[in-house]
Amino acid sequence: MDIKEIISLDEVMEERKLGPNGALIYCMELKEELDNFTDDDYIVFDCPGQIELFTYVPVFKNFVEQLKRKNINVYVVCLLDSQFMTDVAKFMSGCMASLSAMVQLELPHVNILSKMDLVRN
């Protein structure tokens, strides 16, 4: 399922007169689309980088709860840009943001450093 075939962020922003974050929250409510999957399916949600959707706004937690009610196992893979490793403040900030999402979502959680090929020194 390609989410862009179901809903468009730009269209939601225009039609609902919402900003980017409000439109993202609106787009997260996709209950009926999940009924088409079986127990053998894996569903990957590539989520936006707006950290507030995972840390202090309950919309993603509510979405996770809907998945759990449908007996869908949910796990989190958090990508942290590996270039953050060269700046201690950015690295700690990224780790804290990931920890905040982990605590908010209450799910099994794996952190992965991405873009390792771009790291120098």
C-alpha atoms as a PDB file:
ATOM      1  CA  MET A   1       0.000   0.000   0.000  1.00  0.00           C
ATOM      2  CA  ASP A   2       1.405   3.369  -0.956  1.00  0.00           C
ATOM      3  CA  ILE A   3      -0.002   5.950   1.424  1.00  0.00           C
ATOM      4  CA  LYS A   4       0.307   8.630  -1.244  1.00  0.00           C
ATOM      5  CA  GLU A   5      -2.410   6.850  -3.240  1.00  0.00           C
ATOM      6  CA  ILE A   6      -4.810   7.174  -0.309  1.00  0.00           C
ATOM      7  CA  ILE A   7      -4.147  10.632   1.043  1.00  0.00           C
ATOM      8  CA  SER A   8      -2.060  13.648   0.076  1.00  0.00           C
ATOM      9  CA  LEU A   9      -0.513  15.941   2.659  1.00  0.00           C
ATOM     10  CA  ASP A  10      -0.702  18.931   0.311  1.00  0.00           C
ATOM     11  CA  GLU A  11      -4.378  18.302  -0.421  1.00  0.00           C
ATOM     12  CA  VAL A  12      -5.204  17.950   3.286  1.00  0.00           C
ATOM     13  CA  MET A  13      -3.349  21.198   4.042  1.00  0.00           C
ATOM     14  CA  GLU A  14      -5.242  23.016   1.313  1.00  0.00           C
ATOM     15  CA  GLU A  15      -8.703  21.518   1.888  1.00  0.00           C
ATOM     16  CA  ARG A  16      -8.606  21.612   5.699  1.00  0.00           C
ATOM     17  CA  LYS A  17      -6.612  24.867   5.966  1.00  0.00           C
ATOM     18  CA  LEU A  18      -4.046  23.119   8.167  1.00  0.00           C
ATOM     19  CA  GLY A  19      -0.334  23.598   8.592  1.00  0.00           C
ATOM     20  CA  PRO A  20       2.098  20.745   7.930  1.00  0.00           C
ATOM     21  CA  ASN A  21       1.944  19.266  11.441  1.00  0.00           C
ATOM     22  CA  GLY A  22      -1.843  19.479  11.697  1.00  0.00           C
ATOM     23  CA  ALA A  23      -2.197  17.870   8.286  1.00  0.00           C
ATOM     24  CA  LEU A  24       0.187  15.055   9.272  1.00  0.00           C
ATOM     25  CA  ILE A  25      -1.892  14.381  12.369  1.00  0.00           C
ATOM     26  CA  TYR A  26      -5.055  14.315  10.234  1.00  0.00           C
ATOM     27  CA  CYS A  27      -3.404  11.897   7.779  1.00  0.00           C
ATOM     28  CA  MET A  28      -2.499   9.411  10.512  1.00  0.00           C
ATOM     29  CA  GLU A  29      -6.101   8.295  10.929  1.00  0.00           C
ATOM     30  CA  LEU A  30      -6.260   5.414   8.397  1.00  0.00           C
ATOM     31  CA  LYS A  31      -8.371   2.848  10.218  1.00  0.00           C
ATOM     32  CA  GLU A  32     -10.230   1.231   7.320  1.00  0.00           C
ATOM     33  CA  GLU A  33      -7.130   0.627   5.166  1.00  0.00           C
ATOM     34  CA  LEU A  34      -5.704  -1.758   7.766  1.00  0.00           C
ATOM     35  CA  ASP A  35      -8.567  -4.239   7.339  1.00  0.00           C
ATOM     36  CA  ASN A  36      -7.080  -5.453   4.025  1.00  0.00           C
ATOM     37  CA  PHE A  37      -4.027  -7.122   5.593  1.00  0.00           C
ATOM     38  CA  THR A  38      -3.591 -10.704   6.794  1.00  0.00           C
ATOM     39  CA  ASP A  39      -1.544 -12.212   9.630  1.00  0.00           C
ATOM     40  CA  ASP A  40       1.231 -13.060   7.166  1.00  0.00           C
ATOM     41  CA  ASP A  41       1.716  -9.464   6.022  1.00  0.00           C
ATOM     42  CA  TYR A  42       4.389  -7.073   7.175  1.00  0.00           C
ATOM     43  CA  ILE A  43       3.406  -3.418   7.120  1.00  0.00           C
ATOM     44  CA  VAL A  44       6.100  -0.742   7.110  1.00  0.00           C
ATOM     45  CA  PHE A  45       5.138   2.807   8.009  1.00  0.00           C
ATOM     46  CA  ASP A  46       7.843   5.216   6.904  1.00  0.00           C
ATOM     47  CA  CYS A  47       6.991   8.123   9.150  1.00  0.00           C
ATOM     48  CA  PRO A  48       7.833  11.801   8.808  1.00  0.00           C
ATOM     49  CA  GLY A  49      10.624  13.345  10.800  1.00  0.00           C
ATOM     50  CA  GLN A  50       8.342  15.653  12.782  1.00  0.00           C
ATOM     51  CA  ILE A  51       9.277  14.384  16.226  1.00  0.00           C
ATOM     52  CA  GLU A  52       6.216  15.887  17.910  1.00  0.00           C
ATOM     53  CA  LEU A  53       4.056  13.207  16.246  1.00  0.00           C
ATOM     54  CA  PHE A  54       5.863  10.598  18.351  1.00  0.00           C
ATOM     55  CA  THR A  55       6.796  12.425  21.533  1.00  0.00           C
ATOM     56  CA  TYR A  56       4.045  14.604  22.989  1.00  0.00           C
ATOM     57  CA  VAL A  57       1.072  14.580  20.601  1.00  0.00           C
ATOM     58  CA  PRO A  58      -0.948  11.392  21.221  1.00  0.00           C
ATOM     59  CA  VAL A  59      -1.960  10.808  17.584  1.00  0.00           C
ATOM     60  CA  PHE A  60       0.709   8.207  16.818  1.00  0.00           C
ATOM     61  CA  LYS A  61       0.180   6.464  20.159  1.00  0.00           C
ATOM     62  CA  ASN A  62      -3.545   6.271  19.314  1.00  0.00           C
ATOM     63  CA  PHE A  63      -2.654   4.852  15.900  1.00  0.00           C
ATOM     64  CA  VAL A  64      -0.460   2.209  17.552  1.00  0.00           C
ATOM     65  CA  GLU A  65      -3.294   1.318  19.917  1.00  0.00           C
ATOM     66  CA  GLN A  66      -5.605   0.811  16.907  1.00  0.00           C
ATOM     67  CA  LEU A  67      -3.046  -1.558  15.400  1.00  0.00           C
ATOM     68  CA  LYS A  68      -2.769  -3.494  18.653  1.00  0.00           C
ATOM     69  CA  ARG A  69      -6.570  -3.827  18.881  1.00  0.00           C
ATOM     70  CA  LYS A  70      -6.427  -5.509  15.459  1.00  0.00           C
ATOM     71  CA  ASN A  71      -3.801  -7.923  16.879  1.00  0.00           C
ATOM     72  CA  ILE A  72      -1.052  -6.413  14.741  1.00  0.00           C
ATOM     73  CA  ASN A  73       2.379  -6.659  16.356  1.00  0.00           C
ATOM     74  CA  VAL A  74       4.078  -3.280  16.313  1.00  0.00           C
ATOM     75  CA  TYR A  75       7.792  -2.501  16.587  1.00  0.00           C
ATOM     76  CA  VAL A  76       9.695   0.749  16.177  1.00  0.00           C
ATOM     77  CA  VAL A  77      12.874   1.255  14.187  1.00  0.00           C
ATOM     78  CA  CYS A  78      14.259   4.730  14.739  1.00  0.00           C
ATOM     79  CA  LEU A  79      16.836   6.021  12.266  1.00  0.00           C
ATOM     80  CA  LEU A  80      19.346   8.495  13.633  1.00  0.00           C
ATOM     81  CA  ASP A  81      21.534  10.275  11.114  1.00  0.00           C
ATOM     82  CA  SER A  82      25.065   9.003  11.765  1.00  0.00           C
ATOM     83  CA  GLN A  83      26.515  12.402  10.929  1.00  0.00           C
ATOM     84  CA  PHE A  84      25.203  13.416  14.364  1.00  0.00           C
ATOM     85  CA  MET A  85      28.043  11.353  15.863  1.00  0.00           C
ATOM     86  CA  THR A  86      30.551  14.068  14.977  1.00  0.00           C
ATOM     87  CA  ASP A  87      28.715  16.622  17.144  1.00  0.00           C
ATOM     88  CA  VAL A  88      28.096  15.517  20.730  1.00  0.00           C
ATOM     89  CA  ALA A  89      25.179  17.914  21.272  1.00  0.00           C
ATOM     90  CA  LYS A  90      23.375  16.733  18.115  1.00  0.00           C
ATOM     91  CA  PHE A  91      24.040  13.088  18.945  1.00  0.00           C
ATOM     92  CA  MET A  92      22.665  13.449  22.480  1.00  0.00           C
ATOM     93  CA  SER A  93      19.688  15.406  21.173  1.00  0.00           C
ATOM     94  CA  GLY A  94      18.917  12.652  18.666  1.00  0.00           C
ATOM     95  CA  CYS A  95      19.259   9.982  21.345  1.00  0.00           C
ATOM     96  CA  MET A  96      16.968  11.885  23.708  1.00  0.00           C
ATOM     97  CA  ALA A  97      14.360  12.372  20.957  1.00  0.00           C
ATOM     98  CA  SER A  98      14.477   8.646  20.254  1.00  0.00           C
ATOM     99  CA  LEU A  99      14.163   7.853  23.967  1.00  0.00           C
ATOM    100  CA  SER A 100      11.205  10.220  24.228  1.00  0.00           C
ATOM    101  CA  ALA A 101       9.436   8.415  21.372  1.00  0.00           C
ATOM    102  CA  MET A 102      10.244   5.044  22.957  1.00  0.00           C
ATOM    103  CA  VAL A 103       8.726   6.091  26.278  1.00  0.00           C
ATOM    104  CA  GLN A 104       5.648   7.661  24.644  1.00  0.00           C
ATOM    105  CA  LEU A 105       4.881   4.711  22.346  1.00  0.00           C
ATOM    106  CA  GLU A 106       5.712   1.937  24.866  1.00  0.00           C
ATOM    107  CA  LEU A 107       6.854  -0.443  22.118  1.00  0.00           C
ATOM    108  CA  PRO A 108       9.882  -2.614  21.387  1.00  0.00           C
ATOM    109  CA  HIS A 109      12.365  -0.158  19.930  1.00  0.00           C
ATOM    110  CA  VAL A 110      15.582  -0.413  17.904  1.00  0.00           C
ATOM    111  CA  ASN A 111      17.808   2.561  17.111  1.00  0.00           C
ATOM    112  CA  ILE A 112      19.842   2.442  13.909  1.00  0.00           C
ATOM    113  CA  LEU A 113      22.514   4.849  12.763  1.00  0.00           C
ATOM    114  CA  SER A 114      21.806   5.612   9.113  1.00  0.00           C
ATOM    115  CA  LYS A 115      24.009   7.065   6.355  1.00  0.00           C
ATOM    116  CA  MET A 116      27.195   5.542   7.780  1.00  0.00           C
ATOM    117  CA  ASP A 117      28.841   5.877   4.368  1.00  0.00           C
ATOM    118  CA  LEU A 118      28.786   9.680   4.798  1.00  0.00           C
ATOM    119  CA  VAL A 119      30.653   9.755   8.127  1.00  0.00           C
ATOM    120  CA  ARG A 120      34.189  11.074   8.004  1.00  0.00           C
ATOM    121  CA  ASN A 121      36.757  10.708  10.813  1.00  0.00           C
END
